Amino acid sequence: MQVVRWLVGAALFLALLLVSLQNSELVTVKFYHWWSWQAPLIFVVLLAFAIGVAAGLLAGVVRSSRLKRQLTRLRREQRQREPKPAAAGAVPAASARRTAPAGAAEPFDAV
């Protein structure tokens, strides 16, 4: 499987190398009339790609941290709702004892 991964990586590298050699002419990037910049076309394309990847990673980190905070909050709430275990030999509370259902002839024994 790693051989296939290396072959695909090498093919992708060669394809990008050929594209960069074909698109080496200068292009001008202008921001209104205030600023302009000249660079090879492949550099501008790769820069735009890198900015897009960085924006996607940043959005993923923000969402991941938000979900992590929500999970921590939910776990904390769940721990607060769960009853604490009774000490050994403690008598259970009256609400924890089972009672006979309505209309039953005999009451249940406390467990």
Foldseek 3Di string as FASTA:
>chain_A
DVVVVVVVVVVVVVVLVVVCVVQQDWDWDDDPPPDIDIGTPSVVVVVVVVVVVVVVVVVVVVVVVVVVVVVVVVVVVVVVPDDDDDDPPDDDDPVPFDFDDPPDDDTDDGD
